[in-house]
Amino acid sequence: MELAKDELKQALLNATTCDIQHDGWTCGTCFFHISPELNNQDWQAVLLIRGDYSRDELDNLPEDIGASVTKVIGLCEV
């Protein structure tokens, strides 16, 4: 998961140029401007991976977090 974390963080930075959140992560506003295909489940997957919250604290995680991360990274590359 650490590799996906680094790849996700870099993809978000490349797509948004935003690194205002802790440890250089993209903020939610910039995240949602990447694509209208992104939704709250995708954002919650990012929050989980970047370490903001535990699974128990998030109420709308996607069933397949890996697929969500792949989706986000793919949309960042468009």
PDB file of N, CA and C in Angstrom:
ATOM      1  N   MET A   1       0.827  -1.203   0.000  1.00  0.00           N
ATOM      2  CA  MET A   1       0.000   0.000   0.000  1.00  0.00           C
ATOM      3  C   MET A   1       0.865   1.259   0.000  1.00  0.00           C
ATOM      4  N   GLU A   2       2.089   1.152   0.505  1.00  0.00           N
ATOM      5  CA  GLU A   2       2.966   2.325   0.554  1.00  0.00           C
ATOM      6  C   GLU A   2       3.306   2.823  -0.848  1.00  0.00           C
ATOM      7  N   LEU A   3       3.543   1.898  -1.796  1.00  0.00           N
ATOM      8  CA  LEU A   3       3.817   2.295  -3.172  1.00  0.00           C
ATOM      9  C   LEU A   3       2.622   3.035  -3.749  1.00  0.00           C
ATOM     10  N   ALA A   4       1.426   2.512  -3.527  1.00  0.00           N
ATOM     11  CA  ALA A   4       0.216   3.175  -4.018  1.00  0.00           C
ATOM     12  C   ALA A   4       0.075   4.544  -3.369  1.00  0.00           C
ATOM     13  N   LYS A   5       0.450   4.662  -2.121  1.00  0.00           N
ATOM     14  CA  LYS A   5       0.364   5.943  -1.427  1.00  0.00           C
ATOM     15  C   LYS A   5       1.263   6.969  -2.103  1.00  0.00           C
ATOM     16  N   ASP A   6       2.487   6.592  -2.383  1.00  0.00           N
ATOM     17  CA  ASP A   6       3.421   7.513  -3.029  1.00  0.00           C
ATOM     18  C   ASP A   6       2.967   7.862  -4.442  1.00  0.00           C
ATOM     19  N   GLU A   7       2.518   6.857  -5.184  1.00  0.00           N
ATOM     20  CA  GLU A   7       2.052   7.083  -6.551  1.00  0.00           C
ATOM     21  C   GLU A   7       0.815   7.973  -6.566  1.00  0.00           C
ATOM     22  N   LEU A   8      -0.106   7.728  -5.644  1.00  0.00           N
ATOM     23  CA  LEU A   8      -1.322   8.534  -5.539  1.00  0.00           C
ATOM     24  C   LEU A   8      -0.980   9.976  -5.194  1.00  0.00           C
ATOM     25  N   LYS A   9      -0.139  10.170  -4.220  1.00  0.00           N
ATOM     26  CA  LYS A   9       0.245  11.519  -3.802  1.00  0.00           C
ATOM     27  C   LYS A   9       0.871  12.287  -4.962  1.00  0.00           C
ATOM     28  N   GLN A  10       1.760  11.643  -5.704  1.00  0.00           N
ATOM     29  CA  GLN A  10       2.422  12.307  -6.827  1.00  0.00           C
ATOM     30  C   GLN A  10       1.445  12.599  -7.958  1.00  0.00           C
ATOM     31  N   ALA A  11       0.545  11.658  -8.232  1.00  0.00           N
ATOM     32  CA  ALA A  11      -0.453  11.865  -9.287  1.00  0.00           C
ATOM     33  C   ALA A  11      -1.354  13.045  -8.955  1.00  0.00           C
ATOM     34  N   LEU A  12      -1.778  13.138  -7.699  1.00  0.00           N
ATOM     35  CA  LEU A  12      -2.620  14.253  -7.282  1.00  0.00           C
ATOM     36  C   LEU A  12      -1.869  15.581  -7.389  1.00  0.00           C
ATOM     37  N   LEU A  13      -0.628  15.583  -6.987  1.00  0.00           N
ATOM     38  CA  LEU A  13       0.182  16.800  -7.087  1.00  0.00           C
ATOM     39  C   LEU A  13       0.354  17.204  -8.550  1.00  0.00           C
ATOM     40  N   ASN A  14       0.642  16.249  -9.418  1.00  0.00           N
ATOM     41  CA  ASN A  14       0.813  16.546 -10.840  1.00  0.00           C
ATOM     42  C   ASN A  14      -0.467  17.104 -11.452  1.00  0.00           C
ATOM     43  N   ALA A  15      -1.610  16.579 -11.041  1.00  0.00           N
ATOM     44  CA  ALA A  15      -2.890  16.992 -11.618  1.00  0.00           C
ATOM     45  C   ALA A  15      -3.372  18.337 -11.082  1.00  0.00           C
ATOM     46  N   THR A  16      -2.996  18.661  -9.848  1.00  0.00           N
ATOM     47  CA  THR A  16      -3.577  19.856  -9.212  1.00  0.00           C
ATOM     48  C   THR A  16      -2.560  20.942  -8.873  1.00  0.00           C
ATOM     49  N   THR A  17      -1.320  20.600  -8.745  1.00  0.00           N
ATOM     50  CA  THR A  17      -0.242  21.464  -8.225  1.00  0.00           C
ATOM     51  C   THR A  17      -0.529  21.934  -6.797  1.00  0.00           C
ATOM     52  N   CYS A  18      -1.453  21.280  -6.128  1.00  0.00           N
ATOM     53  CA  CYS A  18      -1.816  21.630  -4.751  1.00  0.00           C
ATOM     54  C   CYS A  18      -1.151  20.652  -3.782  1.00  0.00           C
ATOM     55  N   ASP A  19      -0.438  21.216  -2.819  1.00  0.00           N
ATOM     56  CA  ASP A  19       0.190  20.392  -1.779  1.00  0.00           C
ATOM     57  C   ASP A  19       0.006  21.027  -0.403  1.00  0.00           C
ATOM     58  N   ILE A  20      -1.143  21.667  -0.223  1.00  0.00           N
ATOM     59  CA  ILE A  20      -1.389  22.475   0.965  1.00  0.00           C
ATOM     60  C   ILE A  20      -1.702  21.645   2.222  1.00  0.00           C
ATOM     61  N   GLN A  21      -2.190  20.422   2.061  1.00  0.00           N
ATOM     62  CA  GLN A  21      -2.529  19.612   3.232  1.00  0.00           C
ATOM     63  C   GLN A  21      -1.267  19.026   3.862  1.00  0.00           C
ATOM     64  N   HIS A  22      -1.423  18.488   5.068  1.00  0.00           N
ATOM     65  CA  HIS A  22      -0.287  17.946   5.809  1.00  0.00           C
ATOM     66  C   HIS A  22       0.561  17.029   4.940  1.00  0.00           C
ATOM     67  N   ASP A  23       1.827  17.120   5.065  1.00  0.00           N
ATOM     68  CA  ASP A  23       2.777  16.258   4.363  1.00  0.00           C
ATOM     69  C   ASP A  23       2.704  16.381   2.838  1.00  0.00           C
ATOM     70  N   GLY A  24       2.177  17.515   2.349  1.00  0.00           N
ATOM     71  CA  GLY A  24       2.192  17.772   0.918  1.00  0.00           C
ATOM     72  C   GLY A  24       1.074  17.177   0.092  1.00  0.00           C
ATOM     73  N   TRP A  25      -0.029  16.826   0.715  1.00  0.00           N
ATOM     74  CA  TRP A  25      -1.156  16.238  -0.013  1.00  0.00           C
ATOM     75  C   TRP A  25      -2.076  17.316  -0.579  1.00  0.00           C
ATOM     76  N   THR A  26      -2.805  16.956  -1.610  1.00  0.00           N
ATOM     77  CA  THR A  26      -3.793  17.809  -2.257  1.00  0.00           C
ATOM     78  C   THR A  26      -5.006  18.006  -1.341  1.00  0.00           C
ATOM     79  N   CYS A  27      -5.581  19.204  -1.378  1.00  0.00           N
ATOM     80  CA  CYS A  27      -6.786  19.473  -0.587  1.00  0.00           C
ATOM     81  C   CYS A  27      -8.027  18.934  -1.300  1.00  0.00           C
ATOM     82  N   GLY A  28      -9.129  18.849  -0.574  1.00  0.00           N
ATOM     83  CA  GLY A  28     -10.371  18.320  -1.125  1.00  0.00           C
ATOM     84  C   GLY A  28     -10.930  19.157  -2.268  1.00  0.00           C
ATOM     85  N   THR A  29     -10.830  20.463  -2.172  1.00  0.00           N
ATOM     86  CA  THR A  29     -11.345  21.331  -3.235  1.00  0.00           C
ATOM     87  C   THR A  29     -10.627  21.041  -4.550  1.00  0.00           C
ATOM     88  N   CYS A  30      -9.321  20.985  -4.503  1.00  0.00           N
ATOM     89  CA  CYS A  30      -8.551  20.707  -5.720  1.00  0.00           C
ATOM     90  C   CYS A  30      -8.789  19.275  -6.203  1.00  0.00           C
ATOM     91  N   PHE A  31      -8.938  18.339  -5.275  1.00  0.00           N
ATOM     92  CA  PHE A  31      -9.223  16.946  -5.645  1.00  0.00           C
ATOM     93  C   PHE A  31     -10.474  16.868  -6.505  1.00  0.00           C
ATOM     94  N   PHE A  32     -11.541  17.514  -6.068  1.00  0.00           N
ATOM     95  CA  PHE A  32     -12.807  17.405  -6.794  1.00  0.00           C
ATOM     96  C   PHE A  32     -12.811  18.186  -8.101  1.00  0.00           C
ATOM     97  N   HIS A  33     -11.844  19.044  -8.311  1.00  0.00           N
ATOM     98  CA  HIS A  33     -11.731  19.753  -9.592  1.00  0.00           C
ATOM     99  C   HIS A  33     -11.000  18.928 -10.647  1.00  0.00           C
ATOM    100  N   ILE A  34     -10.434  17.799 -10.272  1.00  0.00           N
ATOM    101  CA  ILE A  34      -9.732  16.948 -11.238  1.00  0.00           C
ATOM    102  C   ILE A  34     -10.702  16.424 -12.288  1.00  0.00           C
ATOM    103  N   SER A  35     -11.855  15.933 -11.828  1.00  0.00           N
ATOM    104  CA  SER A  35     -12.821  15.334 -12.754  1.00  0.00           C
ATOM    105  C   SER A  35     -14.192  15.237 -12.087  1.00  0.00           C
ATOM    106  N   PRO A  36     -15.257  15.409 -12.864  1.00  0.00           N
ATOM    107  CA  PRO A  36     -16.594  15.204 -12.297  1.00  0.00           C
ATOM    108  C   PRO A  36     -16.881  13.732 -11.990  1.00  0.00           C
ATOM    109  N   GLU A  37     -16.018  12.844 -12.450  1.00  0.00           N
ATOM    110  CA  GLU A  37     -16.194  11.417 -12.159  1.00  0.00           C
ATOM    111  C   GLU A  37     -15.793  11.057 -10.732  1.00  0.00           C
ATOM    112  N   LEU A  38     -15.068  11.934 -10.069  1.00  0.00           N
ATOM    113  CA  LEU A  38     -14.660  11.659  -8.690  1.00  0.00           C
ATOM    114  C   LEU A  38     -15.828  11.905  -7.744  1.00  0.00           C
ATOM    115  N   ASN A  39     -15.908  11.077  -6.699  1.00  0.00           N
ATOM    116  CA  ASN A  39     -17.007  11.203  -5.753  1.00  0.00           C
ATOM    117  C   ASN A  39     -16.488  11.093  -4.321  1.00  0.00           C
ATOM    118  N   ASN A  40     -17.407  11.165  -3.381  1.00  0.00           N
ATOM    119  CA  ASN A  40     -17.035  11.128  -1.968  1.00  0.00           C
ATOM    120  C   ASN A  40     -16.352   9.829  -1.584  1.00  0.00           C
ATOM    121  N   GLN A  41     -16.734   8.721  -2.187  1.00  0.00           N
ATOM    122  CA  GLN A  41     -16.058   7.458  -1.880  1.00  0.00           C
ATOM    123  C   GLN A  41     -14.590   7.521  -2.288  1.00  0.00           C
ATOM    124  N   ASP A  42     -14.314   8.107  -3.442  1.00  0.00           N
ATOM    125  CA  ASP A  42     -12.920   8.254  -3.877  1.00  0.00           C
ATOM    126  C   ASP A  42     -12.148   9.145  -2.903  1.00  0.00           C
ATOM    127  N   TRP A  43     -12.774  10.232  -2.466  1.00  0.00           N
ATOM    128  CA  TRP A  43     -12.120  11.141  -1.521  1.00  0.00           C
ATOM    129  C   TRP A  43     -11.848  10.435  -0.194  1.00  0.00           C
ATOM    130  N   GLN A  44     -12.802   9.643   0.274  1.00  0.00           N
ATOM    131  CA  GLN A  44     -12.595   8.937   1.537  1.00  0.00           C
ATOM    132  C   GLN A  44     -11.478   7.899   1.408  1.00  0.00           C
ATOM    133  N   ALA A  45     -11.338   7.291   0.244  1.00  0.00           N
ATOM    134  CA  ALA A  45     -10.217   6.374   0.022  1.00  0.00           C
ATOM    135  C   ALA A  45      -8.897   7.127   0.137  1.00  0.00           C
ATOM    136  N   VAL A  46      -8.835   8.331  -0.431  1.00  0.00           N
ATOM    137  CA  VAL A  46      -7.628   9.162  -0.308  1.00  0.00           C
ATOM    138  C   VAL A  46      -7.365   9.496   1.157  1.00  0.00           C
ATOM    139  N   LEU A  47      -8.394   9.885   1.882  1.00  0.00           N
ATOM    140  CA  LEU A  47      -8.227  10.224   3.299  1.00  0.00           C
ATOM    141  C   LEU A  47      -7.697   9.045   4.101  1.00  0.00           C
ATOM    142  N   LEU A  48      -8.181   7.847   3.779  1.00  0.00           N
ATOM    143  CA  LEU A  48      -7.706   6.641   4.454  1.00  0.00           C
ATOM    144  C   LEU A  48      -6.235   6.387   4.135  1.00  0.00           C
ATOM    145  N   ILE A  49      -5.892   6.465   2.864  1.00  0.00           N
ATOM    146  CA  ILE A  49      -4.525   6.170   2.442  1.00  0.00           C
ATOM    147  C   ILE A  49      -3.537   7.196   2.963  1.00  0.00           C
ATOM    148  N   ARG A  50      -3.915   8.455   2.954  1.00  0.00           N
ATOM    149  CA  ARG A  50      -2.968   9.460   3.437  1.00  0.00           C
ATOM    150  C   ARG A  50      -2.891   9.498   4.963  1.00  0.00           C
ATOM    151  N   GLY A  51      -3.776   8.765   5.638  1.00  0.00           N
ATOM    152  CA  GLY A  51      -3.666   8.591   7.077  1.00  0.00           C
ATOM    153  C   GLY A  51      -4.448   9.567   7.927  1.00  0.00           C
ATOM    154  N   ASP A  52      -5.363  10.291   7.320  1.00  0.00           N
ATOM    155  CA  ASP A  52      -6.157  11.246   8.089  1.00  0.00           C
ATOM    156  C   ASP A  52      -7.125  10.565   9.050  1.00  0.00           C
ATOM    157  N   TYR A  53      -7.666   9.443   8.615  1.00  0.00           N
ATOM    158  CA  TYR A  53      -8.691   8.747   9.385  1.00  0.00           C
ATOM    159  C   TYR A  53      -8.477   7.235   9.299  1.00  0.00           C
ATOM    160  N   SER A  54      -9.033   6.528  10.269  1.00  0.00           N
ATOM    161  CA  SER A  54      -9.043   5.069  10.219  1.00  0.00           C
ATOM    162  C   SER A  54     -10.311   4.617   9.500  1.00  0.00           C
ATOM    163  N   ARG A  55     -10.365   3.352   9.142  1.00  0.00           N
ATOM    164  CA  ARG A  55     -11.561   2.802   8.484  1.00  0.00           C
ATOM    165  C   ARG A  55     -12.821   3.057   9.307  1.00  0.00           C
ATOM    166  N   ASP A  56     -12.698   2.925  10.620  1.00  0.00           N
ATOM    167  CA  ASP A  56     -13.859   3.086  11.500  1.00  0.00           C
ATOM    168  C   ASP A  56     -14.397   4.516  11.505  1.00  0.00           C
ATOM    169  N   GLU A  57     -13.565   5.470  11.156  1.00  0.00           N
ATOM    170  CA  GLU A  57     -13.971   6.873  11.182  1.00  0.00           C
ATOM    171  C   GLU A  57     -14.581   7.349   9.859  1.00  0.00           C
ATOM    172  N   LEU A  58     -14.485   6.541   8.832  1.00  0.00           N
ATOM    173  CA  LEU A  58     -15.005   6.913   7.515  1.00  0.00           C
ATOM    174  C   LEU A  58     -16.292   6.152   7.235  1.00  0.00           C
ATOM    175  N   ASP A  59     -17.294   6.853   6.741  1.00  0.00           N
ATOM    176  CA  ASP A  59     -18.616   6.236   6.578  1.00  0.00           C
ATOM    177  C   ASP A  59     -19.020   5.974   5.134  1.00  0.00           C
ATOM    178  N   ASN A  60     -18.118   6.226   4.188  1.00  0.00           N
ATOM    179  CA  ASN A  60     -18.497   6.055   2.785  1.00  0.00           C
ATOM    180  C   ASN A  60     -17.326   5.533   1.952  1.00  0.00           C
ATOM    181  N   LEU A  61     -16.584   4.596   2.510  1.00  0.00           N
ATOM    182  CA  LEU A  61     -15.461   4.016   1.772  1.00  0.00           C
ATOM    183  C   LEU A  61     -15.965   3.145   0.628  1.00  0.00           C
ATOM    184  N   PRO A  62     -15.254   3.152  -0.494  1.00  0.00           N
ATOM    185  CA  PRO A  62     -15.646   2.243  -1.579  1.00  0.00           C
ATOM    186  C   PRO A  62     -15.384   0.796  -1.168  1.00  0.00           C
ATOM    187  N   GLU A  63     -16.129  -0.124  -1.756  1.00  0.00           N
ATOM    188  CA  GLU A  63     -15.910  -1.542  -1.457  1.00  0.00           C
ATOM    189  C   GLU A  63     -14.516  -1.985  -1.871  1.00  0.00           C
ATOM    190  N   ASP A  64     -14.031  -1.456  -2.990  1.00  0.00           N
ATOM    191  CA  ASP A  64     -12.712  -1.814  -3.506  1.00  0.00           C
ATOM    192  C   ASP A  64     -11.828  -0.565  -3.507  1.00  0.00           C
ATOM    193  N   ILE A  65     -11.078  -0.393  -2.455  1.00  0.00           N
ATOM    194  CA  ILE A  65     -10.234   0.793  -2.312  1.00  0.00           C
ATOM    195  C   ILE A  65      -9.166   0.830  -3.405  1.00  0.00           C
ATOM    196  N   GLY A  66      -8.612  -0.318  -3.732  1.00  0.00           N
ATOM    197  CA  GLY A  66      -7.604  -0.378  -4.792  1.00  0.00           C
ATOM    198  C   GLY A  66      -8.140   0.113  -6.123  1.00  0.00           C
ATOM    199  N   ALA A  67      -9.365  -0.274  -6.455  1.00  0.00           N
ATOM    200  CA  ALA A  67      -9.983   0.170  -7.703  1.00  0.00           C
ATOM    201  C   ALA A  67     -10.222   1.681  -7.679  1.00  0.00           C
ATOM    202  N   SER A  68     -10.594   2.203  -6.524  1.00  0.00           N
ATOM    203  CA  SER A  68     -10.801   3.638  -6.392  1.00  0.00           C
ATOM    204  C   SER A  68      -9.489   4.395  -6.598  1.00  0.00           C
ATOM    205  N   VAL A  69      -8.420   3.901  -6.004  1.00  0.00           N
ATOM    206  CA  VAL A  69      -7.105   4.534  -6.164  1.00  0.00           C
ATOM    207  C   VAL A  69      -6.673   4.489  -7.626  1.00  0.00           C
ATOM    208  N   THR A  70      -6.874   3.356  -8.272  1.00  0.00           N
ATOM    209  CA  THR A  70      -6.545   3.231  -9.695  1.00  0.00           C
ATOM    210  C   THR A  70      -7.341   4.230 -10.526  1.00  0.00           C
ATOM    211  N   LYS A  71      -8.606   4.389 -10.196  1.00  0.00           N
ATOM    212  CA  LYS A  71      -9.472   5.354 -10.877  1.00  0.00           C
ATOM    213  C   LYS A  71      -8.933   6.766 -10.709  1.00  0.00           C
ATOM    214  N   VAL A  72      -8.615   7.131  -9.471  1.00  0.00           N
ATOM    215  CA  VAL A  72      -8.114   8.485  -9.186  1.00  0.00           C
ATOM    216  C   VAL A  72      -6.821   8.739  -9.953  1.00  0.00           C
ATOM    217  N   ILE A  73      -5.888   7.814  -9.879  1.00  0.00           N
ATOM    218  CA  ILE A  73      -4.612   7.983 -10.564  1.00  0.00           C
ATOM    219  C   ILE A  73      -4.855   8.109 -12.079  1.00  0.00           C
ATOM    220  N   GLY A  74      -5.721   7.303 -12.624  1.00  0.00           N
ATOM    221  CA  GLY A  74      -6.026   7.374 -14.047  1.00  0.00           C
ATOM    222  C   GLY A  74      -6.604   8.714 -14.449  1.00  0.00           C
ATOM    223  N   LEU A  75      -7.504   9.248 -13.639  1.00  0.00           N
ATOM    224  CA  LEU A  75      -8.096  10.551 -13.934  1.00  0.00           C
ATOM    225  C   LEU A  75      -7.090  11.681 -13.786  1.00  0.00           C
ATOM    226  N   CYS A  76      -6.106  11.481 -12.942  1.00  0.00           N
ATOM    227  CA  CYS A  76      -5.052  12.494 -12.786  1.00  0.00           C
ATOM    228  C   CYS A  76      -4.178  12.567 -14.028  1.00  0.00           C
ATOM    229  N   GLU A  77      -4.093  11.486 -14.759  1.00  0.00           N
ATOM    230  CA  GLU A  77      -3.219  11.422 -15.930  1.00  0.00           C
ATOM    231  C   GLU A  77      -3.880  11.935 -17.195  1.00  0.00           C
ATOM    232  N   VAL A  78      -5.151  12.226 -17.132  1.00  0.00           N
ATOM    233  CA  VAL A  78      -5.892  12.695 -18.331  1.00  0.00           C
ATOM    234  C   VAL A  78      -5.516  14.122 -18.641  1.00  0.00           C
TER     235      VAL A  78
END
